[in-house]
Every structure is written in structure tokens, then in C-alpha cells.
Amino acid sequence: MKPKKKTAKKLVLENYQHPDAFGKWLGFTVLAVDPQKMTSRTSLKIRYDHLSPAGRVHGGVISAFFDIACATAIFPTLGPKDFCSTVELKVNYFRPIDLGDVLTAESQIMFHGKRLCVVHSLLYRKGMKQPVAMATGTYNLVLNNS
């Protein structure tokens, strides 16, 4: 007898139906989500249009990526009519990030209350054991108990 293939549960979030044009431009990929551990892994490859005039990745690209990476840990905790929004995002940049770098964000919910959720995320460059940046995000939760 063959073991059953594990399939990902599709999220149906009614308040997230608008096309994500910004996320599409940014180019992130969700690699894994674990609702039980309240974690997620997301990836981003740095492109030419992500660079600042200094030729390094623009800080806003990393900040936006962190915001999305943290939210991917939260989304599986939401009901169909719930939503969240960013209250605060604190980013620390440790090392420069360059064109072609492949980045992976490892995010974990540290606190999940009735109105607020706090997520911590570390950003790694492919092949490196030390993070290149970290973020802590606080999110407002609107839980509609559906």
C-alpha cells in the first residue's frame, strides 16, 4: 500500500482577493509554511531592478520582502474572513546584498494574541550560515471568528 501524498491546504482568505502586483514584481517564492510550528520560509533572488544607485540591493526591497515573509507565517493562522496589517517593522541590515544573491527568510511567530501578532525573521544568503539581515514585525489582527 502506497503512503498518502501530503498535499498543502489551500488558504481561502476572503480579504486577500486583490491581485498582488507588488509581490509579483518583487518576485518572492513561498518555500514552506508550517502552521503547527507557526513558521515559514520564503525566497527572493536579487535582480537588477532591485538595486540602488550604489549597485547594492535597495533597503526597501529587503524591508518589503521581510514584510511579506513575516505575513506568510501569519496567514495560515487566519480564518477565511480575518485579515492582518503591518503595525511596525524593524529591520537590521548586517551585510551588503548584491545582484544575483539568492536570499531565504526564515520566519517564526513569537506571539499570537487576539489583536496583535509578533514575528521574527532572519535572512540568509545562499551558502551562508550567518544571517545578512533580521526583522521583527508587529501585525494588527482583525479576527472575524468565521
Protein backbone atom coordinates (compact mmCIF):
# COMPACT_ATOMS: atom_id res chain seq x y z
CA MET A 1 0.00 0.00 0.00
CA LYS A 2 1.37 3.41 -1.02
CA PRO A 3 1.62 6.14 1.63
CA LYS A 4 -0.76 9.02 1.09
CA LYS A 5 0.84 12.01 -0.55
CA LYS A 6 0.76 15.07 1.69
CA THR A 7 -0.97 17.96 -0.03
CA ALA A 8 -0.82 21.56 1.01
CA LYS A 9 -4.02 23.01 2.39
CA LYS A 10 -5.15 25.87 0.18
CA LEU A 11 -5.79 29.05 2.11
CA VAL A 12 -9.04 30.81 1.36
CA LEU A 13 -8.75 34.32 2.73
CA GLU A 14 -11.70 36.38 1.52
CA ASN A 15 -9.98 39.69 2.30
CA TYR A 16 -6.98 38.81 0.10
CA GLN A 17 -8.51 38.54 -3.36
CA HIS A 18 -6.93 41.62 -4.97
CA PRO A 19 -4.06 40.70 -7.36
CA ASP A 20 -0.66 41.10 -5.67
CA ALA A 21 1.05 43.16 -8.39
CA PHE A 22 3.73 44.41 -5.98
CA GLY A 23 4.54 40.89 -4.73
CA LYS A 24 4.70 39.69 -8.33
CA TRP A 25 7.15 42.49 -9.19
CA LEU A 26 9.24 41.73 -6.10
CA GLY A 27 9.48 38.11 -7.21
CA PHE A 28 9.34 36.21 -3.91
CA THR A 29 8.59 32.49 -3.60
CA VAL A 30 7.00 30.75 -0.62
CA LEU A 31 9.11 27.64 0.02
CA ALA A 32 7.41 26.18 3.10
CA VAL A 33 4.80 27.00 5.72
CA ASP A 34 4.29 25.04 8.94
CA PRO A 35 1.06 26.14 10.68
CA GLN A 36 1.77 23.95 13.74
CA LYS A 37 5.22 25.45 14.33
CA MET A 38 3.97 28.87 13.10
CA THR A 39 6.94 29.20 10.73
CA SER A 40 7.54 29.97 7.08
CA ARG A 41 10.42 30.03 4.61
CA THR A 42 10.41 32.38 1.63
CA SER A 43 12.95 33.10 -1.08
CA LEU A 44 13.98 36.02 -3.26
CA LYS A 45 16.61 36.28 -6.00
CA ILE A 46 18.07 39.77 -6.31
CA ARG A 47 17.56 41.26 -9.78
CA TYR A 48 18.97 44.35 -11.47
CA ASP A 49 15.79 46.35 -10.77
CA HIS A 50 16.19 45.64 -7.01
CA LEU A 51 19.45 47.65 -6.90
CA SER A 52 20.03 51.15 -5.50
CA PRO A 53 22.19 53.75 -7.28
CA ALA A 54 25.12 52.33 -5.25
CA GLY A 55 24.73 49.00 -7.07
CA ARG A 56 23.63 47.10 -3.94
CA VAL A 57 20.16 45.90 -3.12
CA HIS A 58 17.86 48.74 -2.11
CA GLY A 59 16.94 48.58 1.60
CA GLY A 60 13.27 48.97 0.68
CA VAL A 61 13.40 45.71 -1.28
CA ILE A 62 14.64 43.84 1.79
CA SER A 63 12.12 45.57 4.05
CA ALA A 64 9.26 44.69 1.69
CA PHE A 65 10.50 41.11 1.42
CA PHE A 66 10.61 40.82 5.22
CA ASP A 67 7.05 42.17 5.46
CA ILE A 68 5.84 39.51 3.04
CA ALA A 69 7.96 36.77 4.68
CA CYS A 70 6.53 37.52 8.12
CA ALA A 71 2.98 37.59 6.78
CA THR A 72 3.41 34.13 5.24
CA ALA A 73 3.83 32.76 8.77
CA ILE A 74 0.65 34.54 9.91
CA PHE A 75 -1.72 33.73 7.03
CA PRO A 76 -2.27 30.05 7.96
CA THR A 77 -3.42 31.17 11.44
CA LEU A 78 -6.21 33.31 9.96
CA GLY A 79 -9.80 32.33 9.29
CA PRO A 80 -11.47 32.98 5.92
CA LYS A 81 -12.81 36.43 6.92
CA ASP A 82 -9.82 37.55 9.03
CA PHE A 83 -7.01 39.84 7.97
CA CYS A 84 -3.83 41.39 9.27
CA SER A 85 -1.94 44.58 8.62
CA THR A 86 1.55 45.74 9.47
CA VAL A 87 1.80 47.93 12.57
CA GLU A 88 5.59 48.09 12.82
CA LEU A 89 8.55 46.54 11.01
CA LYS A 90 12.08 46.83 12.41
CA VAL A 91 14.88 45.76 10.08
CA ASN A 92 18.58 45.37 10.85
CA TYR A 93 20.93 45.09 7.87
CA PHE A 94 24.15 43.20 8.70
CA ARG A 95 25.87 42.71 5.34
CA PRO A 96 25.54 44.17 1.83
CA ILE A 97 23.40 42.19 -0.60
CA ASP A 98 24.37 42.06 -4.25
CA LEU A 99 22.91 41.37 -7.68
CA GLY A 100 22.24 37.65 -8.15
CA ASP A 101 22.17 36.80 -4.44
CA VAL A 102 19.55 34.19 -3.54
CA LEU A 103 18.03 35.00 -0.17
CA THR A 104 15.93 32.87 2.17
CA ALA A 105 13.88 34.31 5.01
CA GLU A 106 13.19 32.03 7.98
CA SER A 107 10.21 33.49 9.87
CA GLN A 108 8.56 32.44 13.13
CA ILE A 109 5.61 33.79 15.08
CA MET A 110 6.85 34.75 18.54
CA PHE A 111 3.49 35.94 19.91
CA HIS A 112 -0.04 35.46 18.59
CA GLY A 113 -2.74 37.21 20.56
CA LYS A 114 -6.30 38.26 19.77
CA ARG A 115 -5.27 41.62 18.31
CA LEU A 116 -1.52 41.53 17.73
CA CYS A 117 0.98 39.10 16.28
CA VAL A 118 4.77 39.46 16.50
CA VAL A 119 7.02 37.68 14.02
CA HIS A 120 10.82 37.38 13.97
CA SER A 121 12.63 36.69 10.70
CA LEU A 122 16.26 36.02 9.74
CA LEU A 123 17.53 36.49 6.19
CA TYR A 124 20.25 34.21 4.81
CA ARG A 125 22.29 34.40 1.60
CA LYS A 126 22.56 31.05 -0.17
CA GLY A 127 25.55 29.16 1.19
CA MET A 128 25.99 31.34 4.30
CA LYS A 129 25.35 30.23 7.87
CA GLN A 130 25.21 33.75 9.32
CA PRO A 131 22.21 35.98 8.54
CA VAL A 132 22.64 39.05 6.34
CA ALA A 133 19.68 40.81 7.98
CA MET A 134 16.91 40.34 10.53
CA ALA A 135 13.49 41.79 11.17
CA THR A 136 10.81 41.89 13.80
CA GLY A 137 7.30 42.69 12.64
CA THR A 138 4.19 43.52 14.63
CA TYR A 139 0.86 42.93 12.90
CA ASN A 140 -2.67 44.05 13.75
CA LEU A 141 -5.11 41.13 13.62
CA VAL A 142 -8.78 41.52 12.78
CA LEU A 143 -10.33 38.18 13.66
CA ASN A 144 -13.89 37.77 12.47
CA ASN A 145 -14.33 34.35 14.12
CA SER A 146 -15.57 32.71 10.97
